[in-house]
C-alpha atoms as a PDB file:
ATOM      1  CA  SER A   1     -15.842  -2.019 -21.748  1.00  0.00           C
ATOM      2  CA  PRO A   2     -15.093  -3.993 -18.582  1.00  0.00           C
ATOM      3  CA  THR A   3     -14.266  -1.754 -15.543  1.00  0.00           C
ATOM      4  CA  ALA A   4     -10.682  -1.343 -14.630  1.00  0.00           C
ATOM      5  CA  SER A   5      -9.333  -3.722 -12.086  1.00  0.00           C
ATOM      6  CA  LYS A   6      -9.754  -1.921  -8.742  1.00  0.00           C
ATOM      7  CA  SER A   7      -6.910  -4.161  -7.285  1.00  0.00           C
ATOM      8  CA  ILE A   8      -4.563  -3.078  -9.861  1.00  0.00           C
ATOM      9  CA  LEU A   9      -5.503   0.483  -9.791  1.00  0.00           C
ATOM     10  CA  HIS A  10      -5.081   0.895  -5.980  1.00  0.00           C
ATOM     11  CA  ARG A  11      -1.597  -0.536  -6.454  1.00  0.00           C
ATOM     12  CA  TYR A  12      -0.620   1.874  -9.443  1.00  0.00           C
ATOM     13  CA  ILE A  13      -1.754   4.787  -7.519  1.00  0.00           C
ATOM     14  CA  ILE A  14       0.439   3.974  -4.509  1.00  0.00           C
ATOM     15  CA  ALA A  15       3.529   2.981  -6.719  1.00  0.00           C
ATOM     16  CA  SER A  16       3.188   6.167  -8.890  1.00  0.00           C
ATOM     17  CA  SER A  17       2.984   8.048  -5.627  1.00  0.00           C
ATOM     18  CA  LEU A  18       6.211   6.793  -4.528  1.00  0.00           C
ATOM     19  CA  ALA A  19       8.072   7.599  -7.822  1.00  0.00           C
ATOM     20  CA  LYS A  20       9.958  10.825  -8.305  1.00  0.00           C
ATOM     21  CA  GLY A  21       8.673  12.303 -11.572  1.00  0.00           C
ATOM     22  CA  ILE A  22       5.160  11.987 -13.260  1.00  0.00           C
ATOM     23  CA  SER A  23       3.207   8.991 -14.063  1.00  0.00           C
ATOM     24  CA  LYS A  24       0.193   8.796 -16.140  1.00  0.00           C
ATOM     25  CA  ILE A  25      -2.403   6.025 -15.342  1.00  0.00           C
ATOM     26  CA  GLU A  26      -5.113   5.286 -17.996  1.00  0.00           C
ATOM     27  CA  ASN A  27      -8.212   3.336 -18.106  1.00  0.00           C
ATOM     28  CA  ILE A  28      -9.267   4.230 -14.658  1.00  0.00           C
ATOM     29  CA  SER A  29     -12.702   4.049 -12.982  1.00  0.00           C
ATOM     30  CA  TYR A  30     -13.489   5.909  -9.709  1.00  0.00           C
ATOM     31  CA  SER A  31     -15.043   4.216  -6.566  1.00  0.00           C
ATOM     32  CA  ASP A  32     -15.058   5.244  -2.967  1.00  0.00           C
ATOM     33  CA  ASP A  33     -12.196   2.870  -2.179  1.00  0.00           C
ATOM     34  CA  ILE A  34     -10.031   4.399  -5.021  1.00  0.00           C
ATOM     35  CA  ILE A  35     -10.927   7.931  -4.019  1.00  0.00           C
ATOM     36  CA  ALA A  36      -9.715   6.917  -0.486  1.00  0.00           C
ATOM     37  CA  THR A  37      -6.295   5.904  -1.791  1.00  0.00           C
ATOM     38  CA  ILE A  38      -5.996   8.900  -3.833  1.00  0.00           C
ATOM     39  CA  GLU A  39      -6.793  11.265  -1.051  1.00  0.00           C
ATOM     40  CA  ALA A  40      -4.433   9.167   1.267  1.00  0.00           C
ATOM     41  CA  MET A  41      -1.350   9.444  -1.047  1.00  0.00           C
ATOM     42  CA  LYS A  42      -2.128  13.212  -1.279  1.00  0.00           C
ATOM     43  CA  LYS A  43      -1.846  13.395   2.534  1.00  0.00           C
ATOM     44  CA  LEU A  44       1.596  11.771   2.284  1.00  0.00           C
ATOM     45  CA  GLY A  45       2.698  14.430  -0.240  1.00  0.00           C
ATOM     46  CA  ALA A  46       1.799  13.016  -3.720  1.00  0.00           C
ATOM     47  CA  LYS A  47       0.572  15.511  -6.184  1.00  0.00           C
ATOM     48  CA  ILE A  48      -2.369  13.858  -8.060  1.00  0.00           C
ATOM     49  CA  GLU A  49      -4.617  15.214 -10.794  1.00  0.00           C
ATOM     50  CA  SER A  50      -7.807  13.294 -11.255  1.00  0.00           C
ATOM     51  CA  LYS A  51      -8.895  13.443 -14.928  1.00  0.00           C
ATOM     52  CA  ASP A  52     -12.129  11.495 -16.372  1.00  0.00           C
ATOM     53  CA  ASN A  53     -10.097   8.533 -17.531  1.00  0.00           C
ATOM     54  CA  TYR A  54      -6.722   8.973 -16.391  1.00  0.00           C
ATOM     55  CA  LEU A  55      -4.518  10.153 -13.470  1.00  0.00           C
ATOM     56  CA  LEU A  56      -1.357  12.183 -13.395  1.00  0.00           C
ATOM     57  CA  ILE A  57       0.670  11.496 -10.290  1.00  0.00           C
ATOM     58  CA  ASP A  58       3.867  13.124  -9.168  1.00  0.00           C
ATOM     59  CA  GLY A  59       5.679  11.595  -6.098  1.00  0.00           C
ATOM     60  CA  SER A  60       8.537  14.008  -5.908  1.00  0.00           C
ATOM     61  CA  LYS A  61       7.288  15.483  -2.487  1.00  0.00           C
ATOM     62  CA  THR A  62       6.026  12.098  -0.963  1.00  0.00           C
ATOM     63  CA  PHE A  63       7.162  11.885   2.599  1.00  0.00           C
ATOM     64  CA  ASP A  64       8.621  15.436   2.544  1.00  0.00           C
ATOM     65  CA  LYS A  65       8.847  16.916   6.056  1.00  0.00           C
ATOM     66  CA  GLU A  66       5.749  19.133   5.661  1.00  0.00           C
ATOM     67  CA  TYR A  67       3.624  16.088   5.140  1.00  0.00           C
ATOM     68  CA  LEU A  68       4.910  14.127   8.218  1.00  0.00           C
ATOM     69  CA  ASN A  69       3.366  14.375  11.710  1.00  0.00           C
ATOM     70  CA  ASN A  70      -0.216  15.237  12.386  1.00  0.00           C
ATOM     71  CA  SER A  71      -1.754  14.325   9.174  1.00  0.00           C
ATOM     72  CA  GLU A  72      -4.829  12.246   8.984  1.00  0.00           C
ATOM     73  CA  ILE A  73      -5.713   9.485   6.486  1.00  0.00           C
ATOM     74  CA  ASP A  74      -9.471   8.836   6.068  1.00  0.00           C
ATOM     75  CA  CYS A  75      -9.732   5.290   4.633  1.00  0.00           C
ATOM     76  CA  ASN A  76     -13.562   5.563   4.459  1.00  0.00           C
ATOM     77  CA  GLU A  77     -14.406   1.829   4.429  1.00  0.00           C
ATOM     78  CA  SER A  78     -11.486   0.674   2.166  1.00  0.00           C
ATOM     79  CA  GLY A  79      -9.530  -2.057   3.734  1.00  0.00           C
ATOM     80  CA  SER A  80      -7.211  -1.995   0.916  1.00  0.00           C
ATOM     81  CA  THR A  81      -6.350   1.776   1.538  1.00  0.00           C
ATOM     82  CA  LEU A  82      -5.986   0.987   5.395  1.00  0.00           C
ATOM     83  CA  ARG A  83      -3.849  -2.211   5.124  1.00  0.00           C
ATOM     84  CA  PHE A  84      -1.621  -0.973   2.203  1.00  0.00           C
ATOM     85  CA  LEU A  85      -0.919   2.489   3.764  1.00  0.00           C
ATOM     86  CA  PHE A  86      -0.573   1.466   7.363  1.00  0.00           C
ATOM     87  CA  PRO A  87       3.082   0.416   7.107  1.00  0.00           C
ATOM     88  CA  LEU A  88       3.837   2.800   4.056  1.00  0.00           C
ATOM     89  CA  SER A  89       2.748   5.861   6.094  1.00  0.00           C
ATOM     90  CA  ILE A  90       5.795   5.364   8.712  1.00  0.00           C
ATOM     91  CA  ILE A  91       8.573   4.951   6.060  1.00  0.00           C
ATOM     92  CA  LYS A  92       9.935   8.001   7.758  1.00  0.00           C
ATOM     93  CA  GLU A  93       9.283   8.887  11.535  1.00  0.00           C
ATOM     94  CA  ASN A  94       5.685   9.905  11.468  1.00  0.00           C
ATOM     95  CA  LYS A  95       2.731  10.415  13.713  1.00  0.00           C
ATOM     96  CA  ILE A  96      -0.475   9.808  11.788  1.00  0.00           C
ATOM     97  CA  LEU A  97      -3.941   9.292  12.419  1.00  0.00           C
ATOM     98  CA  PHE A  98      -5.989   6.750  10.477  1.00  0.00           C
ATOM     99  CA  LYS A  99      -9.848   7.074  10.242  1.00  0.00           C
ATOM    100  CA  GLY A 100     -12.508   4.835   8.960  1.00  0.00           C
ATOM    101  CA  LYS A 101     -16.147   4.148   8.761  1.00  0.00           C
ATOM    102  CA  GLY A 102     -18.488   1.278   9.158  1.00  0.00           C
ATOM    103  CA  LYS A 103     -16.714  -2.011  10.190  1.00  0.00           C
ATOM    104  CA  LEU A 104     -13.313  -0.996   8.823  1.00  0.00           C
ATOM    105  CA  PHE A 105     -11.544  -1.384  12.314  1.00  0.00           C
ATOM    106  CA  LYS A 106     -13.428  -4.307  13.220  1.00  0.00           C
ATOM    107  CA  ARG A 107     -11.332  -6.159  10.577  1.00  0.00           C
ATOM    108  CA  PRO A 108      -8.092  -7.463  12.103  1.00  0.00           C
ATOM    109  CA  LEU A 109      -4.857  -5.557  12.034  1.00  0.00           C
ATOM    110  CA  SER A 110      -3.118  -7.697  14.406  1.00  0.00           C
ATOM    111  CA  PRO A 111      -0.463  -9.000  11.812  1.00  0.00           C
ATOM    112  CA  TYR A 112       0.827  -5.426  11.670  1.00  0.00           C
ATOM    113  CA  PHE A 113       0.584  -4.835  15.584  1.00  0.00           C
ATOM    114  CA  GLU A 114       2.602  -8.076  16.322  1.00  0.00           C
ATOM    115  CA  ASN A 115       5.319  -6.935  13.933  1.00  0.00           C
ATOM    116  CA  PHE A 116       5.112  -3.381  15.276  1.00  0.00           C
ATOM    117  CA  ASP A 117       5.564  -4.451  18.794  1.00  0.00           C
ATOM    118  CA  LYS A 118       8.836  -6.090  17.898  1.00  0.00           C
ATOM    119  CA  TYR A 119      10.133  -3.014  16.286  1.00  0.00           C
ATOM    120  CA  GLN A 120       8.809  -0.662  19.008  1.00  0.00           C
ATOM    121  CA  ILE A 121       6.366   1.219  16.707  1.00  0.00           C
ATOM    122  CA  LYS A 122       3.448   2.562  18.799  1.00  0.00           C
ATOM    123  CA  TYR A 123      -0.151   2.486  17.816  1.00  0.00           C
ATOM    124  CA  SER A 124      -3.287   3.286  19.915  1.00  0.00           C
ATOM    125  CA  HIS A 125      -7.067   3.054  19.289  1.00  0.00           C
ATOM    126  CA  VAL A 126      -8.315   6.505  19.831  1.00  0.00           C
ATOM    127  CA  ASN A 127     -11.937   5.322  19.291  1.00  0.00           C
ATOM    128  CA  GLU A 128     -13.648   2.546  17.450  1.00  0.00           C
ATOM    129  CA  ASN A 129     -13.095   4.406  14.180  1.00  0.00           C
ATOM    130  CA  GLU A 130      -9.538   5.797  14.573  1.00  0.00           C
ATOM    131  CA  ILE A 131      -6.100   4.527  15.263  1.00  0.00           C
ATOM    132  CA  LEU A 132      -3.103   6.676  15.798  1.00  0.00           C
ATOM    133  CA  LEU A 133       0.257   5.277  14.412  1.00  0.00           C
ATOM    134  CA  ASP A 134       3.635   6.802  15.826  1.00  0.00           C
ATOM    135  CA  GLY A 135       7.032   5.495  14.847  1.00  0.00           C
ATOM    136  CA  GLU A 136       9.235   4.527  11.973  1.00  0.00           C
ATOM    137  CA  LEU A 137       9.120   1.373   9.980  1.00  0.00           C
ATOM    138  CA  LYS A 138      12.361  -0.700  10.457  1.00  0.00           C
ATOM    139  CA  SER A 139      14.048  -3.123   7.962  1.00  0.00           C
ATOM    140  CA  GLY A 140      14.210  -6.564   9.168  1.00  0.00           C
ATOM    141  CA  GLU A 141      12.051  -9.829   9.311  1.00  0.00           C
ATOM    142  CA  TYR A 142       8.378  -9.684   9.257  1.00  0.00           C
ATOM    143  CA  GLU A 143       6.274 -12.896   9.890  1.00  0.00           C
ATOM    144  CA  ILE A 144       2.808 -13.065   8.526  1.00  0.00           C
ATOM    145  CA  ASP A 145       0.388 -16.040   8.689  1.00  0.00           C
ATOM    146  CA  GLY A 146      -0.499 -17.356   5.263  1.00  0.00           C
ATOM    147  CA  ASN A 147      -4.089 -17.862   5.927  1.00  0.00           C
ATOM    148  CA  ILE A 148      -5.120 -14.310   6.506  1.00  0.00           C
ATOM    149  CA  SER A 149      -5.501 -11.305   4.118  1.00  0.00           C
ATOM    150  CA  SER A 150      -2.661 -10.889   1.535  1.00  0.00           C
ATOM    151  CA  GLN A 151      -3.120  -7.108   2.093  1.00  0.00           C
ATOM    152  CA  PHE A 152      -0.675  -7.162   4.890  1.00  0.00           C
ATOM    153  CA  ILE A 153       1.951  -8.760   2.804  1.00  0.00           C
ATOM    154  CA  THR A 154       1.286  -6.158  -0.071  1.00  0.00           C
ATOM    155  CA  GLY A 155       1.473  -3.376   2.368  1.00  0.00           C
ATOM    156  CA  LEU A 156       5.012  -4.594   3.516  1.00  0.00           C
ATOM    157  CA  LEU A 157       5.977  -5.315  -0.226  1.00  0.00           C
ATOM    158  CA  PHE A 158       5.435  -1.635  -1.124  1.00  0.00           C
ATOM    159  CA  SER A 159       7.142  -0.359   1.913  1.00  0.00           C
ATOM    160  CA  LEU A 160      10.142  -2.363   2.782  1.00  0.00           C
ATOM    161  CA  PRO A 161      12.218  -1.723  -0.363  1.00  0.00           C
ATOM    162  CA  LEU A 162      12.315   1.940   0.549  1.00  0.00           C
ATOM    163  CA  LEU A 163      14.207   1.429   3.687  1.00  0.00           C
ATOM    164  CA  ASN A 164      18.056   1.427   4.010  1.00  0.00           C
ATOM    165  CA  GLU A 165      18.762  -2.107   4.936  1.00  0.00           C
ATOM    166  CA  ASN A 166      17.487  -5.470   3.379  1.00  0.00           C
ATOM    167  CA  SER A 167      14.259  -7.086   4.806  1.00  0.00           C
ATOM    168  CA  LYS A 168      12.458 -10.403   4.572  1.00  0.00           C
ATOM    169  CA  ILE A 169       8.724 -11.459   4.914  1.00  0.00           C
ATOM    170  CA  ILE A 170       8.316 -14.822   6.113  1.00  0.00           C
ATOM    171  CA  ILE A 171       5.055 -16.543   5.533  1.00  0.00           C
ATOM    172  CA  LYS A 172       3.872 -18.865   8.316  1.00  0.00           C
ATOM    173  CA  GLY A 173       1.852 -21.842   6.811  1.00  0.00           C
ATOM    174  CA  LYS A 174       0.552 -21.918   3.297  1.00  0.00           C
ATOM    175  CA  LEU A 175      -0.217 -18.729   1.521  1.00  0.00           C
ATOM    176  CA  GLU A 176      -3.806 -18.715   0.403  1.00  0.00           C
ATOM    177  CA  SER A 177      -4.152 -15.708  -1.808  1.00  0.00           C
ATOM    178  CA  SER A 178      -1.162 -15.737  -3.871  1.00  0.00           C
ATOM    179  CA  SER A 179      -3.036 -14.338  -6.910  1.00  0.00           C
ATOM    180  CA  TYR A 180      -3.196 -11.029  -5.221  1.00  0.00           C
ATOM    181  CA  ILE A 181       0.507 -11.239  -4.364  1.00  0.00           C
ATOM    182  CA  ASP A 182       1.124 -11.775  -7.949  1.00  0.00           C
ATOM    183  CA  ILE A 183      -0.685  -8.603  -8.871  1.00  0.00           C
ATOM    184  CA  THR A 184       1.561  -6.611  -6.197  1.00  0.00           C
ATOM    185  CA  LEU A 185       4.719  -8.173  -7.470  1.00  0.00           C
ATOM    186  CA  ASP A 186       3.817  -7.376 -11.142  1.00  0.00           C
ATOM    187  CA  CYS A 187       3.074  -3.791 -10.281  1.00  0.00           C
ATOM    188  CA  LEU A 188       6.379  -3.438  -8.231  1.00  0.00           C
ATOM    189  CA  ASN A 189       8.205  -4.966 -11.145  1.00  0.00           C
ATOM    190  CA  LYS A 190       6.759  -2.583 -13.528  1.00  0.00           C
ATOM    191  CA  PHE A 191       7.742   0.387 -11.416  1.00  0.00           C
ATOM    192  CA  GLY A 192      11.334  -0.903 -11.111  1.00  0.00           C
ATOM    193  CA  ILE A 193      11.132  -2.723  -7.697  1.00  0.00           C
ATOM    194  CA  LYS A 194      12.747  -6.100  -7.529  1.00  0.00           C
ATOM    195  CA  ILE A 195      11.381  -8.673  -4.979  1.00  0.00           C
ATOM    196  CA  ILE A 196      12.747 -12.230  -4.790  1.00  0.00           C
ATOM    197  CA  ASN A 197       9.802 -14.649  -4.164  1.00  0.00           C
ATOM    198  CA  ASN A 198      10.912 -17.963  -2.644  1.00  0.00           C
ATOM    199  CA  SER A 199       7.883 -20.249  -3.643  1.00  0.00           C
ATOM    200  CA  TYR A 200       5.538 -17.820  -1.637  1.00  0.00           C
ATOM    201  CA  GLN A 201       7.265 -18.879   1.780  1.00  0.00           C
ATOM    202  CA  GLU A 202       9.309 -15.997   1.986  1.00  0.00           C
ATOM    203  CA  PHE A 203      10.027 -12.513   0.196  1.00  0.00           C
ATOM    204  CA  ILE A 204      13.435 -11.313   0.075  1.00  0.00           C
ATOM    205  CA  ILE A 205      13.697  -7.503  -0.262  1.00  0.00           C
ATOM    206  CA  GLU A 206      16.704  -5.391  -0.969  1.00  0.00           C
ATOM    207  CA  GLY A 207      16.742  -2.180   0.586  1.00  0.00           C
ATOM    208  CA  ASN A 208      17.443   1.268  -1.009  1.00  0.00           C
ATOM    209  CA  GLN A 209      15.201   0.744  -4.107  1.00  0.00           C
ATOM    210  CA  THR A 210      13.848   3.442  -6.168  1.00  0.00           C
ATOM    211  CA  TYR A 211      10.364   3.587  -7.713  1.00  0.00           C
ATOM    212  CA  LYS A 212      10.386   4.553 -11.473  1.00  0.00           C
ATOM    213  CA  SER A 213       7.602   6.921 -12.937  1.00  0.00           C
ATOM    214  CA  GLY A 214       6.084   5.840 -16.301  1.00  0.00           C
ATOM    215  CA  ASN A 215       2.879   5.605 -18.342  1.00  0.00           C
ATOM    216  CA  TYR A 216       0.644   2.599 -17.386  1.00  0.00           C
ATOM    217  CA  GLU A 217      -2.674   1.422 -18.390  1.00  0.00           C
ATOM    218  CA  VAL A 218      -4.931  -0.514 -15.931  1.00  0.00           C
ATOM    219  CA  GLU A 219      -5.975  -3.790 -17.360  1.00  0.00           C
ATOM    220  CA  ALA A 220      -9.642  -4.648 -17.305  1.00  0.00           C
ATOM    221  CA  ASP A 221     -11.094  -6.593 -14.621  1.00  0.00           C
ATOM    222  CA  TYR A 222     -12.060  -9.904 -16.492  1.00  0.00           C
ATOM    223  CA  SER A 223     -13.594 -11.442 -13.367  1.00  0.00           C
ATOM    224  CA  GLN A 224     -16.494  -8.967 -14.063  1.00  0.00           C
ATOM    225  CA  VAL A 225     -16.760  -9.542 -17.856  1.00  0.00           C
ATOM    226  CA  ALA A 226     -17.419 -13.349 -16.935  1.00  0.00           C
ATOM    227  CA  PHE A 227     -20.538 -11.970 -14.917  1.00  0.00           C
ATOM    228  CA  PHE A 228     -21.919 -10.336 -18.112  1.00  0.00           C
END
């Protein structure tokens, strides 16, 4: 059978980890990147049991005090893990070290940094493979260039609904990878999060939303089927 879509699986793991209650995610396949996301969500407080072909995830303790400050997230070489969790890790006031390998931190994070500067969120390069993040994500307006990775937009789409006030993501220029944003919006919708998409030019995000747990099956990645 075709392998489960890695793009969907990253998102389901994160969404389940943000929901109070137990979710079951079926039809999974493990990879280094997926394991990095699982371990990262555990560091933020999610309880995750990894079985052969499914995951059981309980987000009841995610962001509890004991998991804040001085934790480390090792992204290995996973850009998805880094970019999805960078804003999410500071939903509550937090000081957290992101680690990576290879060329992970050679890839740009400036779209986040520019927005973090605006909201007085501190970040510092400890060395070429570590960044320390210190602060708390704020509701408000976030501007992201449309011609760079959609992962920045996804990270904010996961995070901003959890804040108290309403937010808006404004896309500068044309959004080039809307299909990945569609995967994110579909995932959020399944987990009970509502986002208003104005023609991919802006995303209106109501605050104080709640992720709902549930049972989900990861769809097969048909881009790989065509290959065979």
